[in-house]
């Protein structure tokens, strides 16, 4: 199958081909990929799913009594982001793959940081031990 160049902006949720990029003139993008028609359809679908999850997490963020910790919307957002970036990486040019590697986004999206203070059985006591003159973290 013939692959064509496409330009992806995760921030704005767009995927443009070379001709559209030339027509727009001032279009900015983060990633360049090479994809077949089928691959670009899949990438567009993943981008749409990712953008929908972004909206859900934004809507949930305003609920003051609901923690984002272990939140279904946050977990689904992370899952969609991992899938999207994995496909961008797979289809990406060497520069795109290098950029994604430098960002370490796949590692960050897969790491919940639950090993950090405040996520254990004693939550707040682990994060700030008031009996230990302000020392942060477990003893």
C-alpha atoms as a PDB file:
ATOM      1  CA  UNK A   1       0.000   0.000   0.000  1.00  0.00           C
ATOM      2  CA  UNK A   2       1.107   3.510  -0.793  1.00  0.00           C
ATOM      3  CA  UNK A   3       1.933   5.691   2.208  1.00  0.00           C
ATOM      4  CA  UNK A   4       1.456   9.444   2.222  1.00  0.00           C
ATOM      5  CA  UNK A   5       2.706  12.148   4.553  1.00  0.00           C
ATOM      6  CA  UNK A   6       0.355  13.547   7.179  1.00  0.00           C
ATOM      7  CA  UNK A   7       0.842  16.160   9.858  1.00  0.00           C
ATOM      8  CA  UNK A   8      -0.689  15.667  13.294  1.00  0.00           C
ATOM      9  CA  UNK A   9      -1.522  18.193  15.978  1.00  0.00           C
ATOM     10  CA  UNK A  10      -2.708  16.450  19.125  1.00  0.00           C
ATOM     11  CA  UNK A  11      -3.268  19.820  20.802  1.00  0.00           C
ATOM     12  CA  UNK A  12      -5.841  20.923  18.250  1.00  0.00           C
ATOM     13  CA  UNK A  13      -7.001  17.423  17.331  1.00  0.00           C
ATOM     14  CA  UNK A  14      -6.191  17.725  13.635  1.00  0.00           C
ATOM     15  CA  UNK A  15      -4.573  15.533  10.999  1.00  0.00           C
ATOM     16  CA  UNK A  16      -3.787  17.160   7.667  1.00  0.00           C
ATOM     17  CA  UNK A  17      -2.213  15.931   4.454  1.00  0.00           C
ATOM     18  CA  UNK A  18       0.620  17.701   2.649  1.00  0.00           C
ATOM     19  CA  UNK A  19      -1.673  19.559   0.223  1.00  0.00           C
ATOM     20  CA  UNK A  20      -3.893  20.909   2.993  1.00  0.00           C
ATOM     21  CA  UNK A  21      -0.790  21.880   4.931  1.00  0.00           C
ATOM     22  CA  UNK A  22       0.436  23.877   1.919  1.00  0.00           C
ATOM     23  CA  UNK A  23      -3.004  25.452   1.401  1.00  0.00           C
ATOM     24  CA  UNK A  24      -3.312  26.525   5.036  1.00  0.00           C
ATOM     25  CA  UNK A  25       0.100  28.154   5.059  1.00  0.00           C
ATOM     26  CA  UNK A  26       0.253  28.802   8.794  1.00  0.00           C
ATOM     27  CA  UNK A  27      -0.875  25.402  10.093  1.00  0.00           C
ATOM     28  CA  UNK A  28       1.286  24.180  12.924  1.00  0.00           C
ATOM     29  CA  UNK A  29       1.696  20.547  13.831  1.00  0.00           C
ATOM     30  CA  UNK A  30       3.587  18.478  16.352  1.00  0.00           C
ATOM     31  CA  UNK A  31       4.161  15.215  14.495  1.00  0.00           C
ATOM     32  CA  UNK A  32       4.807  14.022  10.946  1.00  0.00           C
ATOM     33  CA  UNK A  33       3.660  10.516  10.033  1.00  0.00           C
ATOM     34  CA  UNK A  34       3.631   8.275   6.966  1.00  0.00           C
ATOM     35  CA  UNK A  35       0.388   6.294   6.621  1.00  0.00           C
ATOM     36  CA  UNK A  36      -1.771   4.307   4.232  1.00  0.00           C
ATOM     37  CA  UNK A  37      -5.421   5.273   3.740  1.00  0.00           C
ATOM     38  CA  UNK A  38      -6.472   2.578   6.246  1.00  0.00           C
ATOM     39  CA  UNK A  39      -3.892   3.658   8.827  1.00  0.00           C
ATOM     40  CA  UNK A  40      -4.928   7.306   8.579  1.00  0.00           C
ATOM     41  CA  UNK A  41      -8.585   6.348   9.045  1.00  0.00           C
ATOM     42  CA  UNK A  42      -7.609   4.482  12.202  1.00  0.00           C
ATOM     43  CA  UNK A  43      -5.487   7.399  13.400  1.00  0.00           C
ATOM     44  CA  UNK A  44      -8.377   9.815  12.796  1.00  0.00           C
ATOM     45  CA  UNK A  45     -10.696   7.518  14.766  1.00  0.00           C
ATOM     46  CA  UNK A  46      -8.190   7.374  17.651  1.00  0.00           C
ATOM     47  CA  UNK A  47      -7.848  11.168  17.560  1.00  0.00           C
ATOM     48  CA  UNK A  48     -11.632  11.533  17.778  1.00  0.00           C
ATOM     49  CA  UNK A  49     -11.808   9.126  20.724  1.00  0.00           C
ATOM     50  CA  UNK A  50      -8.962  10.948  22.440  1.00  0.00           C
ATOM     51  CA  UNK A  51     -10.639  14.336  21.977  1.00  0.00           C
ATOM     52  CA  UNK A  52     -13.936  12.958  23.359  1.00  0.00           C
ATOM     53  CA  UNK A  53     -12.125  11.662  26.466  1.00  0.00           C
ATOM     54  CA  UNK A  54     -10.404  15.029  26.838  1.00  0.00           C
ATOM     55  CA  UNK A  55     -13.830  16.688  27.004  1.00  0.00           C
ATOM     56  CA  UNK A  56     -15.047  14.171  29.598  1.00  0.00           C
ATOM     57  CA  UNK A  57     -12.069  14.738  31.887  1.00  0.00           C
ATOM     58  CA  UNK A  58     -12.485  18.498  31.500  1.00  0.00           C
ATOM     59  CA  UNK A  59     -16.136  18.244  32.518  1.00  0.00           C
ATOM     60  CA  UNK A  60     -15.258  16.057  35.501  1.00  0.00           C
ATOM     61  CA  UNK A  61     -12.495  18.400  36.665  1.00  0.00           C
ATOM     62  CA  UNK A  62     -15.017  20.932  37.940  1.00  0.00           C
ATOM     63  CA  UNK A  63     -16.552  18.510  40.442  1.00  0.00           C
ATOM     64  CA  UNK A  64     -14.829  19.561  43.682  1.00  0.00           C
ATOM     65  CA  UNK A  65     -15.768  16.546  45.791  1.00  0.00           C
ATOM     66  CA  UNK A  66     -14.673  13.896  43.268  1.00  0.00           C
ATOM     67  CA  UNK A  67     -10.990  13.051  43.206  1.00  0.00           C
ATOM     68  CA  UNK A  68      -9.287  12.379  39.891  1.00  0.00           C
ATOM     69  CA  UNK A  69      -7.479   9.564  41.672  1.00  0.00           C
ATOM     70  CA  UNK A  70      -8.730   6.236  40.301  1.00  0.00           C
ATOM     71  CA  UNK A  71     -11.351   8.116  38.284  1.00  0.00           C
ATOM     72  CA  UNK A  72     -12.906   6.239  35.353  1.00  0.00           C
ATOM     73  CA  UNK A  73     -12.735   9.300  33.062  1.00  0.00           C
ATOM     74  CA  UNK A  74      -9.054   9.853  33.849  1.00  0.00           C
ATOM     75  CA  UNK A  75      -8.236   6.188  33.330  1.00  0.00           C
ATOM     76  CA  UNK A  76     -10.033   6.157  29.973  1.00  0.00           C
ATOM     77  CA  UNK A  77      -8.300   9.394  28.939  1.00  0.00           C
ATOM     78  CA  UNK A  78      -4.897   7.861  29.734  1.00  0.00           C
ATOM     79  CA  UNK A  79      -5.802   4.731  27.802  1.00  0.00           C
ATOM     80  CA  UNK A  80      -6.888   6.725  24.730  1.00  0.00           C
ATOM     81  CA  UNK A  81      -3.781   8.923  24.936  1.00  0.00           C
ATOM     82  CA  UNK A  82      -1.524   5.834  25.105  1.00  0.00           C
ATOM     83  CA  UNK A  83      -3.219   4.326  22.037  1.00  0.00           C
ATOM     84  CA  UNK A  84      -3.007   7.585  20.099  1.00  0.00           C
ATOM     85  CA  UNK A  85       0.651   8.235  20.874  1.00  0.00           C
ATOM     86  CA  UNK A  86       1.553   4.578  20.216  1.00  0.00           C
ATOM     87  CA  UNK A  87       0.069   4.829  16.729  1.00  0.00           C
ATOM     88  CA  UNK A  88       1.699   8.198  16.071  1.00  0.00           C
ATOM     89  CA  UNK A  89       4.992   6.650  17.167  1.00  0.00           C
ATOM     90  CA  UNK A  90       4.500   3.583  14.955  1.00  0.00           C
ATOM     91  CA  UNK A  91       3.659   5.697  11.888  1.00  0.00           C
ATOM     92  CA  UNK A  92       6.005   8.536  12.735  1.00  0.00           C
ATOM     93  CA  UNK A  93       9.028   9.779  10.912  1.00  0.00           C
ATOM     94  CA  UNK A  94      12.375   9.282  12.685  1.00  0.00           C
ATOM     95  CA  UNK A  95      12.060  12.858  14.032  1.00  0.00           C
ATOM     96  CA  UNK A  96       8.563  12.141  15.366  1.00  0.00           C
ATOM     97  CA  UNK A  97       9.661   8.923  17.063  1.00  0.00           C
ATOM     98  CA  UNK A  98      12.673  10.682  18.557  1.00  0.00           C
ATOM     99  CA  UNK A  99      10.495  13.483  19.903  1.00  0.00           C
ATOM    100  CA  UNK A 100       8.033  11.051  21.507  1.00  0.00           C
ATOM    101  CA  UNK A 101      10.927   9.133  23.057  1.00  0.00           C
ATOM    102  CA  UNK A 102      12.390  12.351  24.507  1.00  0.00           C
ATOM    103  CA  UNK A 103       8.999  13.326  25.957  1.00  0.00           C
ATOM    104  CA  UNK A 104       8.738   9.888  27.627  1.00  0.00           C
ATOM    105  CA  UNK A 105       4.972  10.268  27.310  1.00  0.00           C
ATOM    106  CA  UNK A 106       4.285   6.544  26.989  1.00  0.00           C
ATOM    107  CA  UNK A 107       6.083   5.933  30.270  1.00  0.00           C
ATOM    108  CA  UNK A 108       4.319   8.843  31.963  1.00  0.00           C
ATOM    109  CA  UNK A 109       0.863   7.770  30.806  1.00  0.00           C
ATOM    110  CA  UNK A 110       1.494   4.247  32.042  1.00  0.00           C
ATOM    111  CA  UNK A 111       2.724   5.337  35.481  1.00  0.00           C
ATOM    112  CA  UNK A 112      -0.009   6.306  37.914  1.00  0.00           C
ATOM    113  CA  UNK A 113       2.479   7.555  40.544  1.00  0.00           C
ATOM    114  CA  UNK A 114       0.590   5.565  43.184  1.00  0.00           C
ATOM    115  CA  UNK A 115       3.956   4.827  44.803  1.00  0.00           C
ATOM    116  CA  UNK A 116       4.194   8.481  45.837  1.00  0.00           C
ATOM    117  CA  UNK A 117       3.271   9.600  49.360  1.00  0.00           C
ATOM    118  CA  UNK A 118      -0.459  10.038  49.887  1.00  0.00           C
ATOM    119  CA  UNK A 119      -1.612   6.950  47.969  1.00  0.00           C
ATOM    120  CA  UNK A 120      -1.178   4.316  50.655  1.00  0.00           C
ATOM    121  CA  UNK A 121      -3.413   3.023  53.406  1.00  0.00           C
ATOM    122  CA  UNK A 122      -2.668   5.994  55.632  1.00  0.00           C
ATOM    123  CA  UNK A 123      -2.925   8.612  52.854  1.00  0.00           C
ATOM    124  CA  UNK A 124      -2.418  12.008  54.495  1.00  0.00           C
ATOM    125  CA  UNK A 125      -0.223  10.619  57.256  1.00  0.00           C
ATOM    126  CA  UNK A 126       2.143   9.284  54.590  1.00  0.00           C
ATOM    127  CA  UNK A 127       2.212  12.537  52.677  1.00  0.00           C
ATOM    128  CA  UNK A 128       2.831  14.772  55.664  1.00  0.00           C
ATOM    129  CA  UNK A 129       3.941  13.244  58.913  1.00  0.00           C
ATOM    130  CA  UNK A 130       3.148  15.945  61.483  1.00  0.00           C
ATOM    131  CA  UNK A 131       4.992  14.015  64.189  1.00  0.00           C
ATOM    132  CA  UNK A 132       8.268  14.262  62.276  1.00  0.00           C
ATOM    133  CA  UNK A 133       8.767  18.077  62.144  1.00  0.00           C
ATOM    134  CA  UNK A 134       7.514  18.529  58.612  1.00  0.00           C
ATOM    135  CA  UNK A 135       9.433  15.712  56.948  1.00  0.00           C
ATOM    136  CA  UNK A 136       7.562  14.780  53.797  1.00  0.00           C
ATOM    137  CA  UNK A 137       7.025  11.116  52.997  1.00  0.00           C
ATOM    138  CA  UNK A 138       7.118   7.890  54.943  1.00  0.00           C
ATOM    139  CA  UNK A 139       9.671   7.414  57.691  1.00  0.00           C
END
